[in-house]
Amino acid sequence: MTATHYLIFLGCLLACDIAALYSYFFYCEAKHFNRVYNTETPVVLRFAFPVQCVVFALSAGAFYALTPDKAGLEAVRFGPFAAAAGIVALCGFVPTAKRSLAAVQWIVEAVVISAVVFMLPDNPAFEYFSLPAPAVRAVAGLIWFAVFKTFVLLGGHETFVPVKAFGVGTASALVLFFAAPPLVVPLRINVILGVLMFMVAPFRFLFGCVTPLRKVCRTFLCFVITASAFQIVLAGKPGIGILMVMYAAFEIVVCAYRLIKSLVSRKKIPLSFVSLLLDKGATEGDVVLFLFRYDWLFILLMLLDAYTGASLQVVVLGGLLYLKLYYNVACPKSARMSLRDLFKKARSDARSGFAQTERALRGIREKYAGEEKADE
């Protein structure tokens, strides 16, 4: 599919989506007015995101059908990824109030992601490490699953996942327009996703409607975002793919660091970065908008990687930017520190944290060893 045909396809998709969304909006508004015409309660569009997810699935199928050369789609295993997205979305219907059902859901999602990874053809990325290929694929599937579940958990916050999806779509559109790398298929799919997420914004920010994100849609969108990033990494642009999901990795590192800090200090503290911001008085909407503004720095880094191919450098720079973001919030005194000073401080804090953890574990072992000797 040429660029011109793709733009025509996007235009037709946009027209159909506008017709569907605004028809649903007028229906809900009329129904809302007939019920509570004398109150100021907002209109609730319960099926706004389900409509967008269905339109995205149909547009992805149309994109596959209208593409004359299926070689590019087969190279990225479009079919297995689409089937996996459907299965993972169905897992969103599982009620997770019971731990047993939640565990079953996690196992099914992990099995689906692992199956997709092992179905992929041989790739130089799987041979980069001096490990057997199955071990590398297993580690890749584990990393993908961890990032995916982190996005799902963070998706419980207001509009987090749609804003991230729009950011990924915007970055993909800019990379396609300015650099045109050899990973056209996943980027074009991301652009479709970004356009559909953007179409919901006017109803929320202009018309004041409530657009709840159902669990099924949240799971589906998180899988699409992480799957596209994984495909981009395998396509030879690891910097762009990692930057798309780096926030999830940042949250994992922050949670691990603050968990160790909590165990050492024996104080209950917020673990995730989002919960830290909420603990300081920010609202969920403010947090999402704050992170969205920060995402534009990473969009520029993706463009830099697309132009120069300096994947390692942009990933390290992105990590330092998130490191500075954390210290600016957690330690306001560090706001004026340079990235180099922040890196040194983080390294020293990590060393001291591991040393304190080791001393605490040694003390526990000595304590239990003394109790065992006393019992004897």
Protein backbone atom coordinates (compact mmCIF):
# COMPACT_ATOMS: atom_id res chain seq x y z
CA MET A 1 0.00 0.00 0.00
CA THR A 2 1.50 3.31 -1.09
CA ALA A 3 1.53 6.43 1.06
CA THR A 4 -1.23 8.02 -1.03
CA HIS A 5 -3.46 4.98 -0.72
CA TYR A 6 -2.76 4.85 3.01
CA LEU A 7 -3.82 8.51 3.43
CA ILE A 8 -7.03 7.82 1.48
CA PHE A 9 -7.63 4.81 3.72
CA LEU A 10 -7.11 6.98 6.83
CA GLY A 11 -9.54 9.59 5.47
CA CYS A 12 -12.26 7.00 4.88
CA LEU A 13 -11.63 5.51 8.31
CA LEU A 14 -11.87 8.94 9.93
CA ALA A 15 -15.17 9.71 8.17
CA CYS A 16 -16.72 6.39 9.25
CA ASP A 17 -15.48 6.82 12.81
CA ILE A 18 -16.86 10.37 13.04
CA ALA A 19 -20.25 9.13 11.84
CA ALA A 20 -20.29 6.27 14.37
CA LEU A 21 -19.06 8.30 17.35
CA TYR A 22 -21.25 11.33 16.83
CA SER A 23 -24.34 9.19 16.19
CA TYR A 24 -23.70 7.45 19.50
CA PHE A 25 -23.06 10.81 21.20
CA PHE A 26 -26.33 12.35 19.98
CA TYR A 27 -28.22 9.22 21.03
CA CYS A 28 -26.73 9.33 24.54
CA GLU A 29 -27.27 13.09 24.83
CA ALA A 30 -30.94 12.82 23.86
CA LYS A 31 -31.46 9.92 26.26
CA HIS A 32 -29.66 11.81 29.02
CA PHE A 33 -31.75 14.97 28.43
CA ASN A 34 -35.02 13.04 28.60
CA ARG A 35 -34.04 11.58 31.96
CA VAL A 36 -32.25 14.40 33.80
CA TYR A 37 -32.92 17.54 31.80
CA ASN A 38 -33.03 19.72 34.94
CA THR A 39 -29.71 18.59 36.45
CA GLU A 40 -26.06 19.26 35.67
CA THR A 41 -24.81 15.67 35.57
CA PRO A 42 -22.54 14.96 32.58
CA VAL A 43 -23.41 12.68 29.71
CA VAL A 44 -21.83 9.23 30.11
CA LEU A 45 -20.54 7.59 26.92
CA ARG A 46 -20.09 4.06 28.22
CA PHE A 47 -19.40 2.56 24.80
CA ALA A 48 -17.13 5.25 23.35
CA PHE A 49 -13.95 3.23 23.76
CA PRO A 50 -15.59 -0.11 22.86
CA VAL A 51 -16.73 1.53 19.60
CA GLN A 52 -13.18 2.72 18.95
CA CYS A 53 -11.71 -0.71 19.69
CA VAL A 54 -14.18 -2.37 17.31
CA VAL A 55 -13.41 0.24 14.63
CA PHE A 56 -9.69 -0.36 15.16
CA ALA A 57 -10.10 -4.13 14.76
CA LEU A 58 -12.18 -3.66 11.60
CA SER A 59 -9.73 -1.11 10.19
CA ALA A 60 -6.80 -3.45 10.87
CA GLY A 61 -8.64 -6.19 8.98
CA ALA A 62 -9.38 -3.78 6.12
CA PHE A 63 -5.74 -2.70 6.09
CA TYR A 64 -4.72 -6.34 5.73
CA ALA A 65 -7.29 -6.99 2.98
CA LEU A 66 -6.46 -3.85 0.97
CA THR A 67 -2.70 -4.28 1.09
CA PRO A 68 -1.74 -5.92 -2.23
CA ASP A 69 1.67 -7.09 -1.08
CA LYS A 70 1.16 -9.35 1.91
CA ALA A 71 4.90 -10.02 2.35
CA GLY A 72 5.37 -7.15 4.81
CA LEU A 73 2.36 -8.24 6.84
CA GLU A 74 3.50 -11.85 6.93
CA ALA A 75 7.00 -10.76 7.96
CA VAL A 76 5.63 -9.22 11.16
CA ARG A 77 3.25 -12.16 11.71
CA PHE A 78 0.13 -10.01 11.45
CA GLY A 79 -2.23 -12.97 11.82
CA PRO A 80 -0.80 -14.43 15.06
CA PHE A 81 -0.59 -10.98 16.64
CA ALA A 82 -4.22 -10.25 15.72
CA ALA A 83 -5.38 -13.59 17.12
CA ALA A 84 -3.40 -13.01 20.31
CA ALA A 85 -4.95 -9.53 20.68
CA GLY A 86 -8.42 -11.06 20.45
CA ILE A 87 -7.66 -13.74 23.05
CA VAL A 88 -6.11 -11.23 25.45
CA ALA A 89 -9.12 -8.93 25.02
CA LEU A 90 -11.43 -11.81 25.92
CA CYS A 91 -9.38 -12.29 29.10
CA GLY A 92 -10.61 -8.86 30.13
CA PHE A 93 -14.08 -10.33 30.67
CA VAL A 94 -12.73 -12.56 33.47
CA PRO A 95 -13.80 -11.17 36.87
CA THR A 96 -10.62 -10.75 38.89
CA ALA A 97 -12.27 -10.21 42.28
CA LYS A 98 -11.28 -13.78 43.15
CA ARG A 99 -7.56 -14.48 43.25
CA SER A 100 -7.98 -17.84 41.54
CA LEU A 101 -9.64 -16.26 38.50
CA ALA A 102 -7.05 -13.48 38.45
CA ALA A 103 -4.28 -16.09 38.48
CA VAL A 104 -5.95 -17.96 35.60
CA GLN A 105 -6.16 -14.72 33.62
CA TRP A 106 -2.46 -13.97 34.18
CA ILE A 107 -1.49 -17.52 33.16
CA VAL A 108 -3.56 -17.37 29.95
CA GLU A 109 -2.09 -13.99 29.01
CA ALA A 110 1.44 -15.21 29.70
CA VAL A 111 0.87 -18.35 27.60
CA VAL A 112 -0.55 -16.32 24.70
CA ILE A 113 2.36 -13.87 24.71
CA SER A 114 4.91 -16.70 24.96
CA ALA A 115 3.23 -18.54 22.09
CA VAL A 116 3.43 -15.45 19.88
CA VAL A 117 7.11 -14.97 20.71
CA PHE A 118 7.97 -18.59 19.93
CA MET A 119 5.98 -18.46 16.66
CA LEU A 120 8.09 -15.59 15.34
CA PRO A 121 10.72 -16.40 12.70
CA ASP A 122 14.42 -16.30 13.46
CA ASN A 123 15.59 -12.77 14.11
CA PRO A 124 19.04 -11.27 14.74
CA ALA A 125 17.66 -9.79 17.96
CA PHE A 126 17.24 -13.32 19.36
CA GLU A 127 20.89 -14.11 18.55
CA TYR A 128 22.35 -10.95 20.07
CA PHE A 129 22.97 -12.56 23.47
CA SER A 130 25.23 -15.56 24.05
CA LEU A 131 22.34 -17.74 25.18
CA PRO A 132 20.33 -20.50 23.50
CA ALA A 133 17.60 -19.15 21.23
CA PRO A 134 14.73 -20.66 23.31
CA ALA A 135 16.10 -19.01 26.45
CA VAL A 136 16.31 -15.64 24.71
CA ARG A 137 12.73 -16.00 23.44
CA ALA A 138 11.53 -16.96 26.91
CA VAL A 139 13.21 -13.90 28.43
CA ALA A 140 11.75 -11.70 25.67
CA GLY A 141 8.27 -13.07 26.38
CA LEU A 142 8.73 -12.48 30.11
CA ILE A 143 9.80 -8.87 29.53
CA TRP A 144 6.87 -8.28 27.18
CA PHE A 145 4.44 -9.77 29.72
CA ALA A 146 5.85 -7.64 32.56
CA VAL A 147 5.57 -4.44 30.51
CA PHE A 148 2.06 -5.39 29.37
CA LYS A 149 0.78 -6.05 32.91
CA THR A 150 2.39 -2.83 34.13
CA PHE A 151 0.45 -0.89 31.50
CA VAL A 152 -2.75 -2.74 32.47
CA LEU A 153 -2.30 -1.89 36.15
CA LEU A 154 -1.50 1.74 35.37
CA GLY A 155 -4.54 1.81 33.10
CA GLY A 156 -6.73 1.93 36.17
CA HIS A 157 -5.87 5.63 36.40
CA GLU A 158 -7.98 8.11 34.49
CA THR A 159 -7.34 8.23 30.70
CA PHE A 160 -3.79 6.87 31.13
CA VAL A 161 -3.99 4.20 28.42
CA PRO A 162 -5.77 6.34 25.76
CA VAL A 163 -3.26 9.15 26.27
CA LYS A 164 -0.36 6.71 25.93
CA ALA A 165 -1.95 5.21 22.81
CA PHE A 166 -2.33 8.69 21.31
CA GLY A 167 1.32 9.44 22.12
CA VAL A 168 2.46 6.22 20.43
CA GLY A 169 0.34 7.04 17.37
CA THR A 170 1.72 10.59 17.18
CA ALA A 171 5.30 9.35 17.44
CA SER A 172 4.67 6.74 14.74
CA ALA A 173 3.14 9.36 12.40
CA LEU A 174 6.12 11.70 12.82
CA VAL A 175 8.65 8.90 12.34
CA LEU A 176 6.81 7.78 9.19
CA PHE A 177 6.64 11.32 7.80
CA PHE A 178 10.17 12.49 8.57
CA ALA A 179 12.27 9.33 8.50
CA ALA A 180 10.28 6.54 6.76
CA PRO A 181 12.20 3.61 8.32
CA PRO A 182 11.82 0.01 7.12
CA LEU A 183 9.14 -0.79 9.72
CA VAL A 184 6.16 0.67 7.93
CA VAL A 185 3.48 -1.87 8.91
CA PRO A 186 3.55 -1.54 12.74
CA LEU A 187 3.93 2.24 12.51
CA ARG A 188 0.90 2.54 10.21
CA ILE A 189 -1.14 0.41 12.60
CA ASN A 190 -0.05 2.71 15.45
CA VAL A 191 -1.15 5.77 13.48
CA ILE A 192 -4.63 4.27 13.09
CA LEU A 193 -4.74 3.66 16.85
CA GLY A 194 -3.60 7.21 17.62
CA VAL A 195 -6.22 8.74 15.32
CA LEU A 196 -9.02 6.71 16.92
CA MET A 197 -7.93 7.65 20.45
CA PHE A 198 -7.74 11.31 19.47
CA MET A 199 -11.34 11.22 18.24
CA VAL A 200 -12.57 10.59 21.80
CA ALA A 201 -10.83 13.68 23.20
CA PRO A 202 -13.43 16.30 22.06
CA PHE A 203 -16.23 14.50 23.88
CA ARG A 204 -14.29 14.60 27.13
CA PHE A 205 -12.55 17.97 27.03
CA LEU A 206 -15.01 20.03 24.93
CA PHE A 207 -18.42 18.51 25.66
CA GLY A 208 -17.61 17.44 29.24
CA CYS A 209 -18.73 13.84 28.76
CA VAL A 210 -17.59 10.94 30.91
CA THR A 211 -15.84 8.26 28.84
CA PRO A 212 -15.05 5.31 31.12
CA LEU A 213 -12.49 2.81 29.88
CA ARG A 214 -13.76 -0.71 30.37
CA LYS A 215 -11.40 -3.44 31.45
CA VAL A 216 -11.71 -5.30 28.14
CA CYS A 217 -10.76 -2.21 26.14
CA ARG A 218 -7.93 -1.39 28.52
CA THR A 219 -6.45 -4.87 28.18
CA PHE A 220 -6.83 -4.80 24.40
CA LEU A 221 -5.20 -1.37 24.01
CA CYS A 222 -2.32 -2.26 26.32
CA PHE A 223 -1.62 -5.40 24.30
CA VAL A 224 -1.69 -3.47 21.01
CA ILE A 225 0.74 -0.83 22.33
CA THR A 226 3.22 -3.35 23.72
CA ALA A 227 2.92 -5.67 20.70
CA SER A 228 3.70 -2.85 18.26
CA ALA A 229 6.70 -1.82 20.35
CA PHE A 230 7.91 -5.45 20.38
CA GLN A 231 7.55 -5.65 16.59
CA ILE A 232 9.51 -2.43 16.14
CA VAL A 233 12.34 -3.80 18.28
CA LEU A 234 12.48 -6.95 16.16
CA ALA A 235 12.37 -4.87 12.96
CA GLY A 236 15.78 -3.39 13.75
CA LYS A 237 14.81 -0.19 15.58
CA PRO A 238 15.15 -1.15 19.26
CA GLY A 239 15.49 2.45 20.39
CA ILE A 240 12.07 3.47 19.04
CA GLY A 241 10.36 0.37 20.41
CA ILE A 242 11.91 0.70 23.87
CA LEU A 243 11.11 4.41 24.10
CA MET A 244 7.44 3.68 23.33
CA VAL A 245 7.09 1.54 26.46
CA MET A 246 9.90 2.97 28.58
CA TYR A 247 7.47 4.46 31.07
CA ALA A 248 6.37 0.97 32.10
CA ALA A 249 10.02 -0.03 32.64
CA PHE A 250 10.49 3.19 34.62
CA GLU A 251 7.56 2.29 36.88
CA ILE A 252 8.94 -1.23 37.43
CA VAL A 253 12.34 0.17 38.48
CA VAL A 254 10.74 2.80 40.73
CA CYS A 255 8.52 0.19 42.42
CA ALA A 256 11.48 -2.13 43.02
CA TYR A 257 13.63 0.71 44.39
CA ARG A 258 10.92 2.06 46.68
CA LEU A 259 9.98 -1.44 47.86
CA ILE A 260 13.57 -2.04 48.97
CA LYS A 261 13.58 1.41 50.59
CA SER A 262 10.33 0.60 52.41
CA LEU A 263 11.65 -2.74 53.67
CA VAL A 264 14.87 -1.18 54.92
CA SER A 265 13.22 1.80 56.61
CA ARG A 266 10.20 -0.25 57.78
CA LYS A 267 7.90 2.56 56.70
CA LYS A 268 4.91 2.33 54.39
CA ILE A 269 5.50 4.60 51.39
CA PRO A 270 3.85 4.90 47.94
CA LEU A 271 5.57 2.43 45.62
CA SER A 272 4.74 3.57 42.08
CA PHE A 273 5.59 6.96 40.63
CA VAL A 274 1.93 7.70 39.90
CA SER A 275 0.96 6.94 43.50
CA LEU A 276 3.82 9.20 44.63
CA LEU A 277 2.38 12.08 42.60
CA LEU A 278 -1.11 11.38 43.96
CA ASP A 279 0.30 11.30 47.49
CA LYS A 280 1.70 14.80 46.93
CA GLY A 281 -1.78 16.15 46.17
CA ALA A 282 -2.06 15.84 42.39
CA THR A 283 -5.27 14.59 40.81
CA GLU A 284 -5.35 11.67 38.37
CA GLY A 285 -6.12 14.00 35.47
CA ASP A 286 -3.18 16.24 36.38
CA VAL A 287 -0.86 13.23 36.57
CA VAL A 288 -1.86 11.95 33.13
CA LEU A 289 -1.53 15.39 31.51
CA PHE A 290 1.85 15.86 33.20
CA LEU A 291 3.14 12.55 31.85
CA PHE A 292 1.67 13.31 28.42
CA ARG A 293 3.62 16.58 28.23
CA TYR A 294 6.75 14.64 29.20
CA ASP A 295 6.05 12.15 26.40
CA TRP A 296 6.83 14.80 23.79
CA LEU A 297 10.49 14.65 24.81
CA PHE A 298 10.47 10.95 24.01
CA ILE A 299 8.78 11.57 20.67
CA LEU A 300 11.73 13.81 19.79
CA LEU A 301 14.11 11.06 20.92
CA MET A 302 12.32 8.58 18.63
CA LEU A 303 12.79 10.97 15.71
CA LEU A 304 16.46 11.31 16.63
CA ASP A 305 16.86 7.54 16.64
CA ALA A 306 15.06 7.24 13.29
CA TYR A 307 17.43 9.79 11.74
CA THR A 308 20.74 8.73 13.32
CA GLY A 309 20.25 5.09 14.33
CA ALA A 310 21.83 5.82 17.74
CA SER A 311 19.51 3.48 19.63
CA LEU A 312 21.71 2.94 22.68
CA GLN A 313 22.38 6.63 23.17
CA VAL A 314 18.72 7.69 22.96
CA VAL A 315 17.63 4.89 25.32
CA VAL A 316 20.25 5.93 27.89
CA LEU A 317 19.21 9.57 27.50
CA GLY A 318 15.55 8.60 27.94
CA GLY A 319 16.42 6.69 31.10
CA LEU A 320 18.29 9.70 32.48
CA LEU A 321 15.32 11.96 31.70
CA TYR A 322 13.00 9.67 33.65
CA LEU A 323 15.60 9.53 36.42
CA LYS A 324 15.61 13.32 36.60
CA LEU A 325 11.80 13.32 36.58
CA TYR A 326 11.75 10.98 39.58
CA TYR A 327 14.28 12.98 41.58
CA ASN A 328 12.50 16.24 40.77
CA VAL A 329 9.34 14.82 42.36
CA ALA A 330 10.78 12.62 45.13
CA CYS A 331 13.69 14.93 46.03
CA PRO A 332 12.86 18.56 45.17
CA LYS A 333 16.37 19.60 46.24
CA SER A 334 17.73 17.67 43.24
CA ALA A 335 15.74 19.72 40.71
CA ARG A 336 18.79 21.74 39.68
CA MET A 337 21.15 18.80 39.39
CA SER A 338 22.50 17.86 35.96
CA LEU A 339 21.80 14.49 34.35
CA ARG A 340 25.37 13.37 35.08
CA ASP A 341 25.08 14.27 38.76
CA LEU A 342 21.72 12.51 38.93
CA PHE A 343 23.25 9.38 37.42
CA LYS A 344 26.02 9.41 40.03
CA LYS A 345 23.52 9.99 42.83
CA ALA A 346 21.28 7.16 41.61
CA ARG A 347 24.25 4.81 41.41
CA SER A 348 25.37 5.67 44.95
CA ASP A 349 21.79 5.33 46.26
CA ALA A 350 21.46 1.93 44.60
CA ARG A 351 24.74 0.74 46.14
CA SER A 352 23.78 1.96 49.60
CA GLY A 353 20.32 0.43 49.25
CA PHE A 354 21.72 -2.97 48.28
CA ALA A 355 24.26 -2.76 51.12
CA GLN A 356 21.54 -1.97 53.66
CA THR A 357 19.39 -4.80 52.32
CA GLU A 358 22.32 -7.21 52.59
CA ARG A 359 22.96 -6.15 56.20
CA ALA A 360 19.27 -6.57 57.06
CA LEU A 361 19.19 -10.08 55.53
CA ARG A 362 22.41 -10.99 57.34
CA GLY A 363 20.89 -9.84 60.63
CA ILE A 364 17.77 -11.95 60.01
CA ARG A 365 19.90 -15.03 59.23
CA GLU A 366 22.02 -14.52 62.35
CA LYS A 367 18.89 -14.06 64.46
CA TYR A 368 17.30 -17.31 63.25
CA ALA A 369 20.61 -19.15 63.54
CA GLY A 370 20.87 -18.03 67.18
CA GLU A 371 17.31 -19.17 67.89
CA GLU A 372 18.00 -22.60 66.36
CA LYS A 373 21.10 -23.03 68.54
CA ALA A 374 19.11 -22.01 71.63
CA ASP A 375 16.42 -24.60 70.80
CA GLU A 376 19.06 -27.32 70.50
